[in-house]
């Protein structure tokens, strides 16, 4: 079990491997991923308790897949609910429509719909999971100074404590102390003239079957989104103009709602309120030495499209396994691939959320409708440092693409083996012995090797793997590549398999390598190219114990996994 370091040493310091600053959903997700990997991690939070507001409330399909990997998807769906239809009130009439589209079946996800889950509920799920792995959040611990040297980082807290760790990750929001300490520019803008009051409260006299919108002249519209549960709670959004006074007392807010909507609504039991200003910024870099940025510390978005929290949690999912491998002795340059893969995603998401926010100003159904672009299922790292553009492909997938889900044939688990470091206990992932889908095989902090075809099955069993760092689980999915049942046909089609093939699935659910096995010796027809030749500029992710992560028997794997030898 990872050390939680609740007690300081006599010298006033607490040594750990990774210090995460900021216990919002992103910091908690990263801490959970590191803890289940057996990495000693400390999580510090300047506030006295977990955030209690609904703020970010849309969990996209791709983030639900991340929560699935962390063992929390079912709990999230139980705590949340379906997004309600939009209801635009125009005098005595209400125009209703569905805001979020369902992901197409061809995308291969068990979570095709956006989940309505208030941020406080997401935080609670992650916080409870972190505590189950023995890590306690150090609440009320404000970082005031962060320094680093060649060996480690030192965090000085406001109460005088010094925390020493090999890496520090800032998940501490738009005003990130870690980003400032790292000297990383935060480029973008904040519109001080565009303001909105956000309120979590019970509203008597308002039905919970719609997300209500009341357009008003001169930029004073108001909306109310019903939150999951049967207690009549809503997140209320009240637009205010630059000259409007702001009073967040309960009586003032209740009066404001009645004045804009009507006397039939009663606002009570306010649990959270805030004033929002659109902030659009992107960090120039995600890393300076041993200091790394995650979530809002690296990028802040408008609320449109439910993208910010989702992008941040996926940052954490990308970073966790890379930290583990570097800590086990892999090339430190692997951490540079975190920025090179995730920063372009954030830039794209920022552009899309800004475009959607402009649509909100017009209060038209066309500007309030969300589609596949927001689901984040199409994010790919193809062409990046770990997935060169000349890598082998299947008929449908490239290296760096997200690995889709699919139903498994009945004999899918024959020959399943585990190589590398043992998984930490307890884990949050279920056993794979009862797997019925590919995501059952991927769930957990490991790489997954899938073999399709008899020659591939023989080659994957002989694939060496480092004994340190992220472990590998191997599965012979099918010993043939010509489908014999509709289930096999669907699986082979989803992965574009037309010949004996080994696929390496990264711990974050993206394809790390595709190797086509061409003969009885397991030699790959993709054994040449920048991904497997001498002199490749990809970072070496070998755990440093001299064991090669790739074998001539299968030709090539991603450069992040080949031995320095």
Protein backbone atom coordinates (compact mmCIF):
# COMPACT_ATOMS: atom_id res chain seq x y z
CA UNK A 1 0.00 0.00 0.00
CA UNK A 2 1.40 3.48 -0.82
CA UNK A 3 2.59 5.56 2.07
CA UNK A 4 0.27 8.38 3.05
CA UNK A 5 2.84 10.31 5.16
CA UNK A 6 0.36 11.76 7.61
CA UNK A 7 3.06 12.40 10.21
CA UNK A 8 6.07 14.61 9.64
CA UNK A 9 9.57 13.64 10.59
CA UNK A 10 11.34 15.16 13.56
CA UNK A 11 13.15 17.52 11.21
CA UNK A 12 9.85 18.96 9.99
CA UNK A 13 9.91 17.36 6.57
CA UNK A 14 7.87 14.60 4.94
CA UNK A 15 9.67 12.70 2.20
CA UNK A 16 7.59 11.08 -0.53
CA UNK A 17 7.93 10.21 -4.19
CA UNK A 18 5.34 12.53 -5.73
CA UNK A 19 3.60 15.53 -4.18
CA UNK A 20 0.33 16.52 -5.85
CA UNK A 21 -0.91 20.01 -5.05
CA UNK A 22 -4.65 20.52 -5.41
CA UNK A 23 -7.35 18.05 -4.34
CA UNK A 24 -9.94 18.77 -7.00
CA UNK A 25 -11.05 16.03 -9.40
CA UNK A 26 -7.81 16.24 -11.40
CA UNK A 27 -5.44 16.05 -8.43
CA UNK A 28 -7.51 13.28 -6.90
CA UNK A 29 -7.57 11.29 -10.17
CA UNK A 30 -3.78 11.53 -10.49
CA UNK A 31 -3.28 10.61 -6.83
CA UNK A 32 -5.58 7.61 -7.24
CA UNK A 33 -3.70 6.43 -10.32
CA UNK A 34 -0.31 6.80 -8.63
CA UNK A 35 -1.47 5.16 -5.40
CA UNK A 36 -2.83 2.09 -7.18
CA UNK A 37 0.59 1.79 -8.84
CA UNK A 38 2.24 1.54 -5.43
CA UNK A 39 3.87 4.98 -5.69
CA UNK A 40 4.22 6.94 -2.46
CA UNK A 41 2.18 10.08 -3.05
CA UNK A 42 1.12 12.99 -0.90
CA UNK A 43 -1.86 15.21 -1.79
CA UNK A 44 -2.10 18.69 -0.31
CA UNK A 45 -5.04 21.07 -0.58
CA UNK A 46 -5.13 24.70 0.56
CA UNK A 47 -8.85 24.61 1.42
CA UNK A 48 -10.12 23.05 4.62
CA UNK A 49 -12.37 20.52 2.85
CA UNK A 50 -13.37 19.19 -0.57
CA UNK A 51 -15.09 21.62 -2.92
CA UNK A 52 -18.84 21.66 -2.29
CA UNK A 53 -20.18 23.29 -5.48
CA UNK A 54 -21.69 21.81 -8.64
CA UNK A 55 -19.54 23.92 -11.00
CA UNK A 56 -18.34 21.38 -13.64
CA UNK A 57 -21.20 18.92 -14.02
CA UNK A 58 -20.90 17.16 -17.39
CA UNK A 59 -18.85 13.94 -17.56
CA UNK A 60 -18.07 13.10 -21.16
CA UNK A 61 -18.02 9.52 -22.54
CA UNK A 62 -14.21 9.44 -22.73
CA UNK A 63 -13.90 10.52 -19.09
CA UNK A 64 -16.37 7.82 -18.11
CA UNK A 65 -13.98 5.39 -19.78
CA UNK A 66 -11.19 6.78 -17.60
CA UNK A 67 -13.38 6.34 -14.52
CA UNK A 68 -14.04 2.77 -15.71
CA UNK A 69 -10.29 2.14 -15.75
CA UNK A 70 -10.13 3.50 -12.18
CA UNK A 71 -12.99 1.25 -11.12
CA UNK A 72 -15.44 4.11 -10.56
CA UNK A 73 -17.71 4.23 -13.61
CA UNK A 74 -20.59 2.32 -12.03
CA UNK A 75 -20.45 4.46 -8.90
CA UNK A 76 -20.41 7.62 -11.04
CA UNK A 77 -23.47 6.54 -12.98
CA UNK A 78 -25.29 5.67 -9.76
CA UNK A 79 -24.52 9.11 -8.31
CA UNK A 80 -25.35 10.99 -11.52
CA UNK A 81 -28.10 10.97 -14.07
CA UNK A 82 -29.03 11.63 -17.66
CA UNK A 83 -28.80 15.17 -18.97
CA UNK A 84 -32.30 16.66 -18.99
CA UNK A 85 -33.67 18.14 -22.20
CA UNK A 86 -33.31 21.88 -22.66
CA UNK A 87 -36.43 23.99 -22.23
CA UNK A 88 -36.41 27.52 -23.66
CA UNK A 89 -39.24 29.54 -22.11
CA UNK A 90 -40.75 32.03 -24.55
CA UNK A 91 -43.74 33.61 -22.85
CA UNK A 92 -46.39 30.90 -22.35
CA UNK A 93 -44.53 28.50 -24.65
CA UNK A 94 -41.54 26.22 -24.02
CA UNK A 95 -39.33 25.02 -26.86
CA UNK A 96 -37.73 21.71 -25.85
CA UNK A 97 -34.83 19.83 -27.43
CA UNK A 98 -32.08 17.43 -26.46
CA UNK A 99 -28.79 19.15 -25.80
CA UNK A 100 -26.32 16.22 -25.98
CA UNK A 101 -26.13 13.68 -28.78
CA UNK A 102 -25.48 9.99 -28.13
CA UNK A 103 -22.17 8.62 -29.42
CA UNK A 104 -22.62 6.33 -32.45
CA UNK A 105 -22.41 2.60 -31.84
CA UNK A 106 -19.45 2.33 -34.22
CA UNK A 107 -17.24 4.29 -31.80
CA UNK A 108 -17.05 1.30 -29.43
CA UNK A 109 -17.86 2.68 -25.98
CA UNK A 110 -20.09 1.35 -23.18
CA UNK A 111 -20.76 4.98 -22.20
CA UNK A 112 -22.31 6.70 -25.22
CA UNK A 113 -24.05 9.49 -23.28
CA UNK A 114 -22.83 12.46 -21.29
CA UNK A 115 -23.43 11.99 -17.56
CA UNK A 116 -24.84 14.77 -15.40
CA UNK A 117 -22.69 14.58 -12.26
CA UNK A 118 -22.08 17.70 -10.13
CA UNK A 119 -18.44 18.42 -9.34
CA UNK A 120 -18.98 17.83 -5.63
CA UNK A 121 -20.17 14.29 -6.40
CA UNK A 122 -17.22 13.60 -8.72
CA UNK A 123 -14.86 14.89 -6.04
CA UNK A 124 -16.46 12.71 -3.37
CA UNK A 125 -16.15 9.55 -5.49
CA UNK A 126 -12.47 10.17 -6.17
CA UNK A 127 -11.71 11.28 -2.62
CA UNK A 128 -13.26 8.16 -1.14
CA UNK A 129 -11.32 5.96 -3.58
CA UNK A 130 -8.05 7.68 -2.68
CA UNK A 131 -8.72 7.13 1.02
CA UNK A 132 -9.44 3.45 0.40
CA UNK A 133 -5.87 3.15 -0.87
CA UNK A 134 -4.52 4.68 2.32
CA UNK A 135 -3.84 8.25 1.17
CA UNK A 136 -5.23 11.08 3.28
CA UNK A 137 -5.65 14.53 1.78
CA UNK A 138 -3.67 17.13 3.74
CA UNK A 139 -6.38 19.80 3.92
CA UNK A 140 -5.60 23.38 4.94
CA UNK A 141 -2.05 23.00 3.59
CA UNK A 142 -1.19 26.01 1.42
CA UNK A 143 2.00 25.82 -0.63
CA UNK A 144 3.83 29.16 -0.53
CA UNK A 145 7.17 28.29 -2.11
CA UNK A 146 8.40 25.50 -4.38
CA UNK A 147 12.02 24.92 -5.37
CA UNK A 148 13.80 22.12 -7.17
CA UNK A 149 17.32 20.78 -7.64
CA UNK A 150 18.79 17.90 -9.62
CA UNK A 151 17.49 15.30 -7.19
CA UNK A 152 14.14 16.48 -5.87
CA UNK A 153 11.67 19.29 -5.16
CA UNK A 154 10.92 21.06 -1.89
CA UNK A 155 7.49 22.47 -1.10
CA UNK A 156 7.27 24.93 1.78
CA UNK A 157 3.82 25.17 3.31
CA UNK A 158 2.36 28.22 5.00
CA UNK A 159 2.60 26.49 8.38
CA UNK A 160 6.36 26.06 7.94
CA UNK A 161 6.45 22.39 6.97
CA UNK A 162 8.80 21.29 4.21
CA UNK A 163 7.77 18.49 1.85
CA UNK A 164 10.53 16.83 -0.14
CA UNK A 165 9.66 14.68 -3.18
CA UNK A 166 11.12 13.62 -6.50
CA UNK A 167 8.35 15.29 -8.49
CA UNK A 168 5.66 17.88 -7.80
CA UNK A 169 2.50 18.03 -9.91
CA UNK A 170 0.39 21.16 -9.84
CA UNK A 171 -3.33 20.46 -10.08
CA UNK A 172 -4.01 23.67 -8.21
CA UNK A 173 -6.17 25.56 -10.67
CA UNK A 174 -5.86 28.67 -12.77
CA UNK A 175 -3.88 30.57 -10.11
CA UNK A 176 -1.48 27.63 -9.75
CA UNK A 177 1.38 28.09 -7.29
CA UNK A 178 3.28 25.31 -9.06
CA UNK A 179 3.01 27.01 -12.45
CA UNK A 180 4.25 30.29 -11.01
CA UNK A 181 7.13 28.56 -9.25
CA UNK A 182 8.05 26.85 -12.52
CA UNK A 183 8.10 30.22 -14.31
CA UNK A 184 5.67 29.02 -16.98
CA UNK A 185 3.64 31.66 -18.82
CA UNK A 186 -0.15 31.34 -18.82
CA UNK A 187 -1.20 32.85 -22.12
CA UNK A 188 -4.74 34.02 -22.81
CA UNK A 189 -7.34 36.41 -21.44
CA UNK A 190 -10.05 36.94 -18.83
CA UNK A 191 -13.17 38.91 -19.80
CA UNK A 192 -13.99 40.99 -16.72
CA UNK A 193 -17.10 42.45 -18.39
CA UNK A 194 -18.80 39.09 -18.93
CA UNK A 195 -20.07 37.82 -15.58
CA UNK A 196 -22.44 35.15 -14.35
CA UNK A 197 -23.62 34.25 -10.85
CA UNK A 198 -23.66 30.50 -10.18
CA UNK A 199 -25.82 29.18 -7.34
CA UNK A 200 -26.60 25.72 -5.95
CA UNK A 201 -29.97 25.84 -4.23
CA UNK A 202 -33.38 24.28 -3.87
CA UNK A 203 -36.03 25.95 -6.04
CA UNK A 204 -39.64 25.45 -5.03
CA UNK A 205 -42.20 25.64 -7.82
CA UNK A 206 -39.85 24.52 -10.61
CA UNK A 207 -40.07 21.12 -12.31
CA UNK A 208 -36.96 18.98 -12.58
CA UNK A 209 -37.76 17.56 -16.00
CA UNK A 210 -35.99 20.28 -18.00
CA UNK A 211 -32.92 22.48 -17.97
CA UNK A 212 -34.86 25.76 -17.90
CA UNK A 213 -33.73 28.85 -19.82
CA UNK A 214 -35.42 32.23 -19.58
CA UNK A 215 -33.93 34.60 -22.19
CA UNK A 216 -33.99 38.22 -21.09
CA UNK A 217 -33.15 41.46 -22.84
CA UNK A 218 -29.94 43.38 -22.26
CA UNK A 219 -27.86 40.37 -21.23
CA UNK A 220 -29.80 39.37 -18.13
CA UNK A 221 -30.89 35.83 -18.99
CA UNK A 222 -31.21 33.13 -16.34
CA UNK A 223 -31.09 29.32 -16.44
CA UNK A 224 -31.60 26.48 -13.97
CA UNK A 225 -30.27 22.94 -14.42
CA UNK A 226 -31.81 20.23 -12.20
CA UNK A 227 -29.16 18.27 -10.29
CA UNK A 228 -29.37 14.50 -9.72
CA UNK A 229 -31.52 13.48 -6.78
CA UNK A 230 -35.10 13.99 -5.70
CA UNK A 231 -34.54 16.99 -3.43
CA UNK A 232 -35.35 19.72 -5.96
CA UNK A 233 -31.83 21.12 -6.19
CA UNK A 234 -30.65 23.14 -9.18
CA UNK A 235 -27.55 24.82 -10.45
CA UNK A 236 -28.78 28.33 -11.30
CA UNK A 237 -26.92 30.55 -13.77
CA UNK A 238 -27.73 34.29 -13.67
CA UNK A 239 -26.16 36.58 -16.27
CA UNK A 240 -25.22 40.03 -15.00
CA UNK A 241 -24.09 43.09 -16.88
CA UNK A 242 -20.88 44.99 -16.07
CA UNK A 243 -22.69 47.63 -14.00
CA UNK A 244 -24.95 45.28 -12.09
CA UNK A 245 -24.27 45.00 -8.34
CA UNK A 246 -23.39 41.55 -6.97
CA UNK A 247 -24.94 40.42 -3.71
CA UNK A 248 -24.57 36.71 -2.90
CA UNK A 249 -26.67 36.70 0.24
CA UNK A 250 -29.60 34.30 0.21
CA UNK A 251 -32.27 36.99 0.36
CA UNK A 252 -30.71 39.00 -2.46
CA UNK A 253 -30.39 35.98 -4.72
CA UNK A 254 -33.98 34.88 -4.02
CA UNK A 255 -35.21 38.37 -4.89
CA UNK A 256 -33.15 38.44 -8.08
CA UNK A 257 -34.58 35.11 -9.27
CA UNK A 258 -38.17 36.19 -8.56
CA UNK A 259 -37.65 39.49 -10.34
CA UNK A 260 -36.30 37.86 -13.49
CA UNK A 261 -38.48 34.74 -13.63
CA UNK A 262 -41.60 35.39 -11.60
CA UNK A 263 -43.00 35.31 -8.06
CA UNK A 264 -43.96 31.63 -8.27
CA UNK A 265 -40.38 30.45 -7.67
CA UNK A 266 -38.85 30.30 -4.19
CA UNK A 267 -35.07 29.98 -3.79
CA UNK A 268 -33.83 28.44 -0.53
CA UNK A 269 -31.13 26.27 1.07
CA UNK A 270 -28.21 27.78 -0.85
CA UNK A 271 -25.10 25.60 -0.47
CA UNK A 272 -22.73 27.34 -2.87
CA UNK A 273 -22.54 30.55 -4.89
CA UNK A 274 -19.86 32.20 -6.98
CA UNK A 275 -19.28 34.78 -9.69
CA UNK A 276 -17.91 33.35 -12.92
CA UNK A 277 -15.89 35.22 -15.55
CA UNK A 278 -14.83 33.49 -18.78
CA UNK A 279 -11.15 32.70 -18.54
CA UNK A 280 -9.38 31.29 -21.60
CA UNK A 281 -5.73 30.43 -21.01
CA UNK A 282 -3.14 27.81 -21.96
CA UNK A 283 0.21 27.20 -20.29
CA UNK A 284 3.23 27.76 -22.51
CA UNK A 285 4.67 24.47 -21.23
CA UNK A 286 3.46 21.62 -19.03
CA UNK A 287 6.80 20.93 -17.42
CA UNK A 288 9.88 22.59 -15.98
CA UNK A 289 12.26 19.93 -14.71
CA UNK A 290 10.60 18.11 -11.82
CA UNK A 291 7.57 20.42 -11.77
CA UNK A 292 4.57 19.39 -13.91
CA UNK A 293 1.14 20.87 -14.53
CA UNK A 294 -2.24 19.15 -14.81
CA UNK A 295 -5.82 20.31 -15.38
CA UNK A 296 -6.72 23.97 -14.83
CA UNK A 297 -3.15 24.72 -13.82
CA UNK A 298 -2.28 24.08 -17.48
CA UNK A 299 -5.47 25.19 -19.25
CA UNK A 300 -8.67 26.98 -18.30
CA UNK A 301 -11.81 26.96 -20.40
CA UNK A 302 -15.23 28.51 -20.66
CA UNK A 303 -17.90 26.21 -19.15
CA UNK A 304 -19.52 25.61 -22.55
CA UNK A 305 -19.42 22.03 -23.76
CA UNK A 306 -18.37 20.48 -20.43
CA UNK A 307 -14.71 20.22 -21.44
CA UNK A 308 -12.47 21.59 -18.67
CA UNK A 309 -12.74 18.95 -15.93
CA UNK A 310 -12.82 16.20 -18.55
CA UNK A 311 -9.64 17.39 -20.22
CA UNK A 312 -7.92 17.65 -16.83
CA UNK A 313 -8.84 14.13 -15.70
CA UNK A 314 -7.54 12.81 -19.01
CA UNK A 315 -4.30 14.75 -18.42
CA UNK A 316 -3.90 12.82 -15.17
CA UNK A 317 -4.59 9.52 -16.92
CA UNK A 318 -1.84 10.25 -19.45
CA UNK A 319 0.69 11.33 -16.83
CA UNK A 320 0.31 8.63 -14.15
CA UNK A 321 1.85 5.67 -15.98
CA UNK A 322 4.64 7.82 -17.39
CA UNK A 323 5.64 8.94 -13.92
CA UNK A 324 5.68 5.33 -12.77
CA UNK A 325 7.93 4.25 -15.62
CA UNK A 326 10.36 7.13 -15.15
CA UNK A 327 10.51 6.47 -11.41
CA UNK A 328 11.39 2.86 -12.27
CA UNK A 329 14.39 4.03 -14.30
CA UNK A 330 13.07 4.89 -17.75
CA UNK A 331 14.32 7.81 -19.79
CA UNK A 332 13.22 11.07 -18.17
CA UNK A 333 12.37 12.35 -21.66
CA UNK A 334 9.22 10.24 -21.47
CA UNK A 335 7.72 13.01 -19.31
CA UNK A 336 8.19 15.43 -22.21
CA UNK A 337 5.77 13.28 -24.21
CA UNK A 338 3.08 14.21 -21.66
CA UNK A 339 3.12 17.82 -22.83
CA UNK A 340 3.56 16.91 -26.49
CA UNK A 341 0.50 14.67 -26.38
CA UNK A 342 -1.79 16.64 -24.08
CA UNK A 343 -1.10 20.30 -24.86
CA UNK A 344 -2.40 20.07 -28.47
CA UNK A 345 -5.56 18.45 -27.09
CA UNK A 346 -6.06 21.35 -24.66
CA UNK A 347 -5.49 23.89 -27.44
CA UNK A 348 -8.12 22.23 -29.59
CA UNK A 349 -10.58 21.95 -26.71
CA UNK A 350 -10.05 25.62 -25.79
CA UNK A 351 -10.95 26.64 -29.30
CA UNK A 352 -14.07 24.48 -29.33
CA UNK A 353 -15.33 25.56 -25.89
CA UNK A 354 -14.77 29.21 -26.80
CA UNK A 355 -16.81 28.73 -29.98
CA UNK A 356 -19.61 27.07 -28.00
CA UNK A 357 -19.59 29.85 -25.43
CA UNK A 358 -20.13 32.40 -28.14
CA UNK A 359 -23.18 30.36 -29.17
CA UNK A 360 -24.58 30.66 -25.65
CA UNK A 361 -24.81 34.42 -26.03
CA UNK A 362 -27.37 33.98 -28.80
CA UNK A 363 -29.58 31.62 -26.72
CA UNK A 364 -30.61 29.61 -29.74
CA UNK A 365 -31.06 25.82 -29.89
CA UNK A 366 -28.34 25.57 -32.54
CA UNK A 367 -25.89 27.20 -30.16
CA UNK A 368 -26.95 25.00 -27.27
CA UNK A 369 -26.58 21.60 -28.95
CA UNK A 370 -23.58 19.35 -28.37
CA UNK A 371 -22.32 16.52 -30.58
CA UNK A 372 -19.49 14.00 -30.99
CA UNK A 373 -16.77 16.68 -30.90
CA UNK A 374 -17.45 17.18 -27.20
CA UNK A 375 -17.37 13.47 -26.32
CA UNK A 376 -13.53 13.44 -26.63
CA UNK A 377 -13.63 9.88 -27.99
CA UNK A 378 -11.78 10.92 -31.13
CA UNK A 379 -8.65 12.17 -29.34
CA UNK A 380 -5.55 10.54 -30.83
CA UNK A 381 -1.82 10.88 -30.23
CA UNK A 382 -1.02 9.68 -33.75
CA UNK A 383 1.97 11.54 -35.16
CA UNK A 384 3.27 12.37 -31.68
CA UNK A 385 6.49 11.27 -29.97
CA UNK A 386 5.16 7.82 -29.02
CA UNK A 387 3.20 7.16 -32.22
CA UNK A 388 5.21 8.17 -35.32
CA UNK A 389 3.22 8.71 -38.49
CA UNK A 390 5.01 5.84 -40.28
CA UNK A 391 3.98 3.26 -37.66
CA UNK A 392 2.09 0.17 -38.88
CA UNK A 393 -1.70 0.31 -38.89
CA UNK A 394 -4.67 -1.95 -39.04
CA UNK A 395 -7.55 -1.36 -41.42
CA UNK A 396 -9.20 0.99 -38.90
CA UNK A 397 -6.68 1.98 -36.23
CA UNK A 398 -3.32 3.76 -35.96
CA UNK A 399 -0.78 3.94 -33.16
CA UNK A 400 -1.88 6.64 -30.74
CA UNK A 401 -5.60 6.16 -31.41
CA UNK A 402 -7.98 5.40 -28.57
CA UNK A 403 -8.54 1.65 -28.25
CA UNK A 404 -12.30 0.99 -28.63
CA UNK A 405 -14.32 -1.43 -26.56
CA UNK A 406 -15.83 -4.59 -28.04
CA UNK A 407 -17.44 -7.80 -26.84
CA UNK A 408 -15.06 -10.73 -26.38
CA UNK A 409 -15.56 -14.22 -27.81
CA UNK A 410 -15.99 -16.94 -25.20
CA UNK A 411 -12.39 -18.20 -25.41
CA UNK A 412 -10.83 -14.76 -25.23
CA UNK A 413 -9.00 -15.30 -21.95
CA UNK A 414 -7.11 -18.45 -22.86
CA UNK A 415 -3.44 -18.06 -22.10
CA UNK A 416 -3.78 -14.76 -20.22
CA UNK A 417 -0.51 -14.02 -18.39
CA UNK A 418 1.04 -11.18 -16.41
CA UNK A 419 4.61 -9.94 -16.75
CA UNK A 420 6.53 -7.21 -14.96
CA UNK A 421 6.08 -5.63 -11.57
CA UNK A 422 3.21 -6.95 -9.48
CA UNK A 423 0.15 -4.75 -9.23
CA UNK A 424 -0.21 -2.94 -5.91
CA UNK A 425 -2.83 -4.22 -3.49
CA UNK A 426 -5.55 -3.41 -2.88
CA UNK A 427 -6.52 -2.45 -6.42
CA UNK A 428 -9.75 -0.90 -7.63
CA UNK A 429 -9.91 -2.89 -10.84
CA UNK A 430 -11.90 -6.08 -11.13
CA UNK A 431 -10.44 -9.47 -11.94
CA UNK A 432 -10.12 -10.25 -15.64
CA UNK A 433 -11.11 -13.88 -15.22
CA UNK A 434 -14.74 -13.01 -15.93
CA UNK A 435 -14.00 -10.53 -18.71
CA UNK A 436 -16.70 -10.19 -21.32
CA UNK A 437 -15.39 -7.07 -23.08
CA UNK A 438 -12.01 -5.64 -24.02
CA UNK A 439 -12.37 -2.89 -21.43
CA UNK A 440 -12.43 -5.62 -18.78
CA UNK A 441 -8.92 -6.57 -19.92
CA UNK A 442 -7.67 -2.98 -20.03
CA UNK A 443 -8.99 -1.98 -16.60
CA UNK A 444 -6.07 -1.42 -14.24
CA UNK A 445 -2.58 0.14 -14.16
CA UNK A 446 -0.95 -2.13 -16.75
CA UNK A 447 -0.11 -2.42 -20.44
CA UNK A 448 -2.17 -4.98 -22.36
CA UNK A 449 -0.89 -7.07 -25.26
CA UNK A 450 -3.61 -8.53 -27.50
CA UNK A 451 -2.82 -11.35 -29.92
CA UNK A 452 -4.99 -12.05 -32.96
CA UNK A 453 -4.06 -15.21 -34.88
CA UNK A 454 -2.02 -18.34 -34.06
CA UNK A 455 1.37 -16.87 -34.99
CA UNK A 456 0.64 -13.76 -32.95
CA UNK A 457 -0.39 -15.93 -29.99
CA UNK A 458 2.95 -17.72 -30.15
CA UNK A 459 4.88 -14.45 -30.44
CA UNK A 460 3.10 -12.65 -27.61
CA UNK A 461 3.87 -15.48 -25.19
CA UNK A 462 7.58 -15.07 -25.96
CA UNK A 463 7.64 -11.30 -25.65
CA UNK A 464 10.11 -10.24 -22.91
CA UNK A 465 9.11 -7.40 -20.60
CA UNK A 466 11.01 -5.35 -18.00
CA UNK A 467 10.61 -6.59 -14.44
CA UNK A 468 10.33 -3.03 -13.12
CA UNK A 469 7.82 -0.33 -13.93
CA UNK A 470 4.43 -0.77 -15.53
CA UNK A 471 3.52 -4.47 -15.89
CA UNK A 472 2.23 -6.17 -19.02
CA UNK A 473 -0.79 -8.44 -19.31
CA UNK A 474 -1.01 -10.64 -22.39
CA UNK A 475 -4.16 -12.10 -23.90
CA UNK A 476 -4.74 -14.30 -26.92
CA UNK A 477 -8.03 -12.89 -28.15
CA UNK A 478 -8.45 -15.15 -31.19
CA UNK A 479 -6.23 -17.82 -32.73
CA UNK A 480 -7.59 -17.00 -36.18
CA UNK A 481 -8.29 -13.80 -38.10
CA UNK A 482 -11.21 -14.99 -40.23
CA UNK A 483 -14.44 -14.51 -38.27
CA UNK A 484 -16.57 -17.54 -37.49
CA UNK A 485 -19.33 -15.84 -35.49
CA UNK A 486 -21.00 -12.42 -35.55
CA UNK A 487 -19.23 -11.54 -32.28
CA UNK A 488 -15.83 -12.34 -33.79
CA UNK A 489 -16.72 -10.37 -36.93
CA UNK A 490 -17.64 -7.30 -34.88
CA UNK A 491 -14.44 -7.52 -32.84
CA UNK A 492 -12.15 -7.98 -35.84
CA UNK A 493 -13.92 -5.17 -37.69
CA UNK A 494 -13.65 -2.77 -34.75
CA UNK A 495 -9.88 -3.30 -34.61
CA UNK A 496 -9.39 -3.66 -38.36
CA UNK A 497 -7.68 -7.04 -38.02
CA UNK A 498 -7.05 -8.81 -41.35
CA UNK A 499 -3.85 -10.74 -40.50
CA UNK A 500 -1.94 -12.06 -37.48
CA UNK A 501 -1.41 -9.00 -35.30
CA UNK A 502 -0.24 -8.00 -31.84
CA UNK A 503 -1.59 -4.76 -30.40
CA UNK A 504 -0.05 -3.10 -27.37
CA UNK A 505 -2.58 -1.03 -25.42
CA UNK A 506 -1.16 1.66 -23.16
CA UNK A 507 -2.41 2.02 -19.58
CA UNK A 508 -4.33 5.14 -20.63
CA UNK A 509 -6.30 3.20 -23.23
CA UNK A 510 -4.46 4.38 -26.35
CA UNK A 511 -2.71 2.09 -28.81
CA UNK A 512 1.01 1.94 -28.08
CA UNK A 513 2.03 -0.31 -30.96
CA UNK A 514 0.71 -2.45 -33.80
CA UNK A 515 2.84 -5.37 -34.97
CA UNK A 516 1.83 -7.61 -37.88
CA UNK A 517 3.27 -11.10 -37.42
CA UNK A 518 4.12 -12.54 -40.83
CA UNK A 519 5.71 -15.96 -40.36
CA UNK A 520 6.17 -18.86 -37.99
CA UNK A 521 9.11 -17.16 -36.27
CA UNK A 522 6.92 -14.22 -35.39
CA UNK A 523 8.83 -11.72 -37.51
CA UNK A 524 6.84 -8.55 -38.13
CA UNK A 525 6.35 -6.97 -41.52
CA UNK A 526 6.64 -3.66 -39.71
CA UNK A 527 10.10 -4.24 -38.28
CA UNK A 528 11.59 -1.28 -40.12
CA UNK A 529 10.94 2.40 -39.60
CA UNK A 530 11.54 5.27 -37.22
CA UNK A 531 9.71 3.51 -34.42
CA UNK A 532 12.03 0.52 -34.27
CA UNK A 533 15.29 1.45 -35.97
CA UNK A 534 18.52 2.41 -34.31
CA UNK A 535 18.68 6.13 -33.68
CA UNK A 536 14.96 6.70 -33.21
CA UNK A 537 14.35 9.92 -31.31
CA UNK A 538 11.57 8.47 -29.17
CA UNK A 539 12.21 8.35 -25.40
CA UNK A 540 13.47 5.06 -23.99
CA UNK A 541 10.96 3.73 -21.48
CA UNK A 542 12.91 0.67 -20.41
CA UNK A 543 12.86 0.44 -16.63
CA UNK A 544 16.62 0.46 -16.57
CA UNK A 545 17.25 -3.17 -15.56
CA UNK A 546 18.71 -4.18 -18.90
CA UNK A 547 15.73 -6.31 -19.91
CA UNK A 548 14.62 -5.43 -23.44
CA UNK A 549 11.01 -4.40 -23.79
CA UNK A 550 10.88 -5.55 -27.41
CA UNK A 551 12.01 -8.76 -29.03
CA UNK A 552 13.21 -9.59 -32.53
CA UNK A 553 10.55 -12.29 -32.40
CA UNK A 554 7.84 -9.71 -32.95
CA UNK A 555 9.92 -7.09 -34.71
CA UNK A 556 9.07 -3.78 -33.10
CA UNK A 557 7.21 -1.97 -30.40
CA UNK A 558 6.82 1.71 -29.64
CA UNK A 559 10.16 3.49 -29.03
CA UNK A 560 8.97 4.30 -25.54
CA UNK A 561 9.24 0.60 -24.73
CA UNK A 562 12.48 -0.53 -26.29
CA UNK A 563 15.68 -1.20 -24.39
CA UNK A 564 18.62 1.17 -24.44
CA UNK A 565 20.59 -1.84 -25.67
